[in-house]
Each structure stands twice: as C-alpha cells, then as structure tokens.
Amino acid sequence: MTTFSVNTEEGLDKSKVCSEKIARESHSPSPGALFVLELYAVLPAAAQLRLFEGVKEGKRLVYVVDTAREKAENYDSSNGMETYEVQWISKPVRHLFLNMQAELKPDTVIVSILPEFNNEFPEYSPAEVKKVSALGAVPLKSMHIKKYHCSSRLPFPTSLKVTSLLEAENCLKALEALDCRDELIILVKAMTHYTLSPCHYRMILTVIKNTRHDHKCNPRLPLAYAISAAAALSLSNHFVT
C-alpha cells in the first residue's frame, strides 16, 4: 500500500497569495482608453490641429510617429512595369516633419530620427513625370506641341529622356494613332480626355470601328467586352484585388 503525504501549509500559503493578488487587481483602477494621435509629415490640416488639443482625464495619450520611410511607386522604362518599394523620404519632407514636432507641447515625448541617417535621405523625390510611361506624348500632341523632343519646349520643369519620347512616338505609329504628318487622328484626339493609355483606348477604338458597319450582331456587346478588358489591363497589378 502506497501513501502520499501532502504539505497542507504550503498549499494554504499559495492559495492565500493568489487570493490577495486577485483582490489587489480587482480594486486597482483600469488603465483607461487610448487617445491615439498620428504624427507624420503629410497630415491634413484638421488632423494636425488635433495634436494641440487637450486629453480627457483617464485617457492615455499615444503618438504614432513617422518612421521616415514611405512606400513609393517606381516605373521601369525598360519593361514598362510598376513596382512598389519602401524607401527613405526626401530631406524636404523630413524637415517638414521635424518642424511639426517642434511645435508640440514641451511635456510631450518626441521620437526623432537619428542624425546618422541624414545621408540616407535623398535630396528630392523623383518627379512624378518620371514615374509614368512616356506614352504621355499623346496629350503633348493634342496640345499642339510638335517639337517636344527639345526639353525647352516641354511644359514640365523636369525634362524627359529623348529616347523614351522616341520610343513612345514609334509606339503611337504602330497603334496607328498618328497620321502621315505625325498628327493625332480625330478619334485618338477625342480619347485623350480619358485617363487611359494609348494601347488600351486603341483597343476600344478598334472595336468601335469594326462594329460600326456590322449589323449582324449587337455593337454594344463587343464594346462592353472591350471596355471591360481595357479596364482590367489598366491595373498596375492584375493579381491584387
């Protein structure tokens, strides 16, 4: 016959400690609700003013500080693909962020970026005109700017590459968007009012042209398919919903 000995005193001591802990937690005040404020450089004006408002009693103030990195869209002119990369913000944006931090109350906790990373920031962000395809020569043609290969004639502060413009013009000729005098055809000139690439709206124009004299089928049905296909192909990433 086997007997087990139980230390009742030790068990009572443990249960007493647990009951006292539960009692202290039950009487202790709750931490309260969070009052979260975002803190980054491109905040709207209304959201920026919330930083200077008072916090209600019982709430905990939490700042969400910018990490000085952004998700930027980059365009590869060699293959026409768009990619998204996380990179450092530019120095002007960083200075704007630091100036906004300096206007906070003196008793707030400010988390600033170490000066050792200052050399990692680019001087300026790349121009938006370099993040899109050079097939934007179509609106330049519609603006009657014929010699747009010369950077001084472009209505942009940042000049485009001449090779990219020549490739875009060759693409327009292949799409039959230009006539023999390198002028936009009337239909393509009308389509420049829509935010579509030349390849996509040329697809729609081809369907309109082919179904104009075809009375055997409903012309609206092929046009609906063409518009749906152009809308799907206009997405930068077809696998992201």
Protein backbone atom coordinates (compact mmCIF):
# COMPACT_ATOMS: atom_id res chain seq x y z
CA MET A 1 0.00 0.00 0.00
CA THR A 2 1.41 3.36 -1.05
CA THR A 3 0.80 6.52 0.94
CA PHE A 4 1.20 10.14 -0.21
CA SER A 5 2.00 12.99 2.15
CA VAL A 6 0.62 16.42 1.34
CA ASN A 7 2.11 19.66 2.68
CA THR A 8 -1.08 21.47 3.60
CA GLU A 9 0.69 24.53 4.96
CA GLU A 10 2.45 25.21 1.63
CA GLY A 11 -0.80 24.78 -0.27
CA LEU A 12 -2.60 27.19 2.03
CA ASP A 13 0.16 29.77 1.63
CA LYS A 14 -0.04 29.61 -2.20
CA SER A 15 -3.81 29.93 -2.22
CA LYS A 16 -3.59 32.89 0.15
CA VAL A 17 -1.10 34.67 -2.11
CA CYS A 18 -3.30 34.08 -5.18
CA SER A 19 -6.40 35.40 -3.43
CA GLU A 20 -4.57 38.52 -2.28
CA LYS A 21 -3.29 39.13 -5.84
CA ILE A 22 -6.77 38.80 -7.30
CA ALA A 23 -8.10 41.20 -4.68
CA ARG A 24 -5.46 43.82 -5.50
CA GLU A 25 -6.16 43.55 -9.24
CA SER A 26 -9.89 43.88 -8.71
CA HIS A 27 -9.50 47.08 -6.66
CA SER A 28 -6.83 48.65 -8.92
CA PRO A 29 -8.14 51.22 -11.43
CA SER A 30 -8.32 50.27 -15.12
CA PRO A 31 -5.66 51.77 -17.42
CA GLY A 32 -8.29 53.71 -19.36
CA ALA A 33 -8.95 54.22 -23.05
CA LEU A 34 -6.29 55.14 -25.58
CA PHE A 35 -6.18 58.51 -27.30
CA VAL A 36 -4.09 57.82 -30.40
CA LEU A 37 -2.70 60.66 -32.49
CA GLU A 38 -0.91 60.17 -35.77
CA LEU A 39 2.23 62.18 -36.32
CA TYR A 40 3.67 62.36 -39.81
CA ALA A 41 4.58 64.98 -42.37
CA VAL A 42 1.64 64.86 -44.77
CA LEU A 43 -1.19 65.02 -42.24
CA PRO A 44 -4.24 67.06 -43.28
CA ALA A 45 -4.72 70.38 -41.51
CA ALA A 46 -7.64 69.12 -39.41
CA ALA A 47 -5.63 66.13 -38.19
CA GLN A 48 -2.63 68.33 -37.38
CA LEU A 49 -4.73 70.54 -35.11
CA ARG A 50 -5.70 67.51 -33.02
CA LEU A 51 -2.10 67.36 -31.76
CA PHE A 52 -2.65 70.56 -29.76
CA GLU A 53 -5.97 69.59 -28.21
CA GLY A 54 -6.19 68.54 -24.59
CA VAL A 55 -6.61 64.94 -23.47
CA LYS A 56 -9.60 63.97 -21.34
CA GLU A 57 -8.92 62.71 -17.85
CA GLY A 58 -8.45 58.96 -17.63
CA LYS A 59 -7.25 58.54 -21.21
CA ARG A 60 -3.75 57.58 -22.24
CA LEU A 61 -2.09 59.67 -24.94
CA VAL A 62 -0.24 57.69 -27.61
CA TYR A 63 1.67 59.20 -30.55
CA VAL A 64 2.12 57.20 -33.73
CA VAL A 65 5.42 58.59 -35.00
CA ASP A 66 6.51 58.57 -38.63
CA THR A 67 9.40 56.20 -39.35
CA ALA A 68 10.75 58.39 -42.18
CA ARG A 69 10.10 55.65 -44.71
CA GLU A 70 7.45 55.55 -47.39
CA LYS A 71 6.05 53.13 -49.92
CA ALA A 72 6.86 54.70 -53.28
CA GLU A 73 5.78 53.72 -56.77
CA ASN A 74 8.64 53.27 -59.25
CA TYR A 75 8.37 52.88 -63.01
CA ASP A 76 10.84 50.85 -65.05
CA SER A 77 11.01 52.34 -68.54
CA SER A 78 12.82 49.29 -69.94
CA ASN A 79 9.89 46.91 -69.45
CA GLY A 80 7.00 49.23 -68.59
CA MET A 81 6.45 47.61 -65.18
CA GLU A 82 5.45 49.42 -62.00
CA THR A 83 6.86 48.33 -58.66
CA TYR A 84 6.38 49.49 -55.09
CA GLU A 85 9.37 49.82 -52.78
CA VAL A 86 9.78 51.02 -49.20
CA GLN A 87 12.41 53.74 -49.14
CA TRP A 88 13.55 56.79 -47.18
CA ILE A 89 11.59 60.00 -47.51
CA SER A 90 13.23 63.05 -49.04
CA LYS A 91 15.03 65.69 -46.98
CA PRO A 92 12.38 68.43 -47.51
CA VAL A 93 9.67 66.09 -46.18
CA ARG A 94 11.87 65.21 -43.19
CA HIS A 95 12.42 68.91 -42.37
CA LEU A 96 8.67 69.48 -42.51
CA PHE A 97 8.18 66.59 -40.11
CA LEU A 98 10.78 67.93 -37.65
CA ASN A 99 9.26 71.42 -37.73
CA MET A 100 5.87 69.98 -36.87
CA GLN A 101 7.42 68.11 -33.94
CA ALA A 102 8.99 71.32 -32.61
CA GLU A 103 5.55 72.94 -32.32
CA LEU A 104 4.27 70.32 -29.86
CA LYS A 105 3.91 70.91 -26.16
CA PRO A 106 7.16 70.82 -24.16
CA ASP A 107 5.99 67.95 -21.93
CA THR A 108 5.35 65.57 -24.83
CA VAL A 109 7.69 62.77 -25.76
CA ILE A 110 9.25 63.31 -29.20
CA VAL A 111 10.91 60.47 -31.04
CA SER A 112 13.10 61.98 -33.75
CA ILE A 113 15.26 60.33 -36.36
CA LEU A 114 18.92 59.93 -35.57
CA PRO A 115 21.17 62.40 -37.43
CA GLU A 116 23.37 59.50 -38.51
CA PHE A 117 20.71 58.58 -41.06
CA ASN A 118 20.63 62.06 -42.61
CA ASN A 119 22.84 60.98 -45.52
CA GLU A 120 20.41 58.18 -46.36
CA PHE A 121 17.69 60.64 -47.33
CA PRO A 122 17.56 61.72 -50.99
CA GLU A 123 17.77 65.42 -51.71
CA TYR A 124 14.44 65.45 -53.55
CA SER A 125 11.80 62.95 -54.50
CA PRO A 126 11.79 61.92 -58.17
CA ALA A 127 9.45 63.92 -60.36
CA GLU A 128 6.03 62.42 -60.97
CA VAL A 129 6.52 62.72 -64.73
CA LYS A 130 9.31 60.14 -64.46
CA LYS A 131 7.03 57.66 -62.72
CA VAL A 132 4.72 57.23 -65.70
CA SER A 133 5.11 55.92 -69.20
CA ALA A 134 6.46 58.21 -71.89
CA LEU A 135 3.33 57.46 -73.91
CA GLY A 136 2.10 60.69 -72.39
CA ALA A 137 3.32 62.22 -75.64
CA VAL A 138 -0.30 61.86 -76.78
CA PRO A 139 -1.57 64.81 -74.70
CA LEU A 140 1.53 66.74 -75.78
CA LYS A 141 0.48 66.20 -79.36
CA SER A 142 -3.06 67.29 -78.55
CA MET A 143 -1.61 70.50 -77.04
CA HIS A 144 -0.05 71.24 -80.46
CA ILE A 145 3.49 70.86 -79.11
CA LYS A 146 5.16 69.31 -82.13
CA LYS A 147 8.84 69.56 -81.27
CA TYR A 148 8.53 68.05 -77.82
CA HIS A 149 11.91 66.30 -78.16
CA CYS A 150 13.52 69.59 -77.13
CA SER A 151 13.43 69.89 -73.33
CA SER A 152 12.98 73.67 -73.50
CA ARG A 153 9.63 73.22 -75.28
CA LEU A 154 8.19 70.80 -72.73
CA PRO A 155 5.66 72.27 -70.28
CA PHE A 156 7.33 70.42 -67.38
CA PRO A 157 10.08 71.62 -65.03
CA THR A 158 11.72 68.19 -65.37
CA SER A 159 12.80 67.18 -68.87
CA LEU A 160 12.07 63.71 -70.24
CA LYS A 161 14.56 61.43 -71.92
CA VAL A 162 14.66 61.85 -75.69
CA THR A 163 14.99 58.09 -76.19
CA SER A 164 11.81 57.48 -74.18
CA LEU A 165 9.92 60.04 -76.25
CA LEU A 166 11.12 58.48 -79.50
CA GLU A 167 10.04 55.03 -78.31
CA ALA A 168 6.66 56.44 -77.36
CA GLU A 169 6.25 58.04 -80.78
CA ASN A 170 7.13 54.76 -82.51
CA CYS A 171 4.54 53.01 -80.36
CA LEU A 172 1.93 55.57 -81.38
CA LYS A 173 2.75 54.98 -85.03
CA ALA A 174 2.38 51.22 -84.54
CA LEU A 175 -1.01 51.82 -82.94
CA GLU A 176 -1.99 53.98 -85.94
CA ALA A 177 -2.63 56.89 -83.60
CA LEU A 178 -0.60 59.24 -85.83
CA ASP A 179 -1.24 60.04 -89.46
CA CYS A 180 1.34 60.59 -92.20
CA ARG A 181 2.10 64.09 -90.86
CA ASP A 182 2.65 62.78 -87.32
CA GLU A 183 -0.60 64.38 -86.23
CA LEU A 184 -3.14 62.72 -83.97
CA ILE A 185 -6.16 61.26 -85.69
CA ILE A 186 -9.52 62.72 -84.67
CA LEU A 187 -10.67 59.69 -82.70
CA VAL A 188 -7.45 59.44 -80.70
CA LYS A 189 -7.58 63.18 -80.01
CA ALA A 190 -11.04 62.67 -78.53
CA MET A 191 -9.81 59.80 -76.36
CA THR A 192 -7.12 61.97 -74.74
CA HIS A 193 -9.85 63.27 -72.43
CA TYR A 194 -9.97 59.86 -70.74
CA THR A 195 -7.35 58.51 -68.35
CA LEU A 196 -6.37 55.51 -70.45
CA SER A 197 -3.09 54.53 -72.03
CA PRO A 198 -2.90 54.67 -75.86
CA CYS A 199 -2.76 50.87 -76.08
CA HIS A 200 -5.97 50.46 -74.13
CA TYR A 201 -8.06 53.09 -75.85
CA ARG A 202 -6.78 51.93 -79.22
CA MET A 203 -8.35 48.59 -78.34
CA ILE A 204 -11.68 50.33 -77.76
CA LEU A 205 -11.39 52.34 -80.99
CA THR A 206 -10.71 49.18 -82.98
CA VAL A 207 -13.90 47.56 -81.67
CA ILE A 208 -15.90 50.70 -82.46
CA LYS A 209 -14.50 50.78 -85.99
CA ASN A 210 -15.15 47.09 -86.67
CA THR A 211 -18.71 47.08 -85.31
CA ARG A 212 -19.81 50.33 -86.95
CA HIS A 213 -20.77 48.70 -90.25
CA ASP A 214 -21.55 45.24 -88.88
CA HIS A 215 -25.32 44.90 -88.47
CA LYS A 216 -25.36 41.17 -87.73
CA CYS A 217 -24.67 41.50 -84.02
CA ASN A 218 -25.39 43.99 -81.31
CA PRO A 219 -22.49 46.50 -81.37
CA ARG A 220 -22.87 47.22 -77.67
CA LEU A 221 -21.85 43.70 -76.65
CA PRO A 222 -18.31 43.72 -78.18
CA LEU A 223 -17.82 47.27 -76.95
CA ALA A 224 -18.73 46.21 -73.41
CA TYR A 225 -16.18 43.38 -73.57
CA ALA A 226 -13.52 45.77 -74.91
CA ILE A 227 -14.15 48.31 -72.16
CA SER A 228 -14.01 45.57 -69.52
CA ALA A 229 -10.72 44.24 -70.92
CA ALA A 230 -9.19 47.73 -71.10
CA ALA A 231 -10.27 48.47 -67.53
CA ALA A 232 -8.73 45.21 -66.29
CA LEU A 233 -5.47 45.74 -68.17
CA SER A 234 -5.15 49.29 -66.88
CA LEU A 235 -4.48 47.99 -63.36
CA SER A 236 -0.85 48.12 -62.27
CA ASN A 237 -1.13 44.68 -60.66
CA HIS A 238 -3.75 42.30 -62.04
CA PHE A 239 -3.44 39.85 -59.14
CA VAL A 240 -4.28 42.29 -56.33
CA THR A 241 -7.96 42.88 -55.65
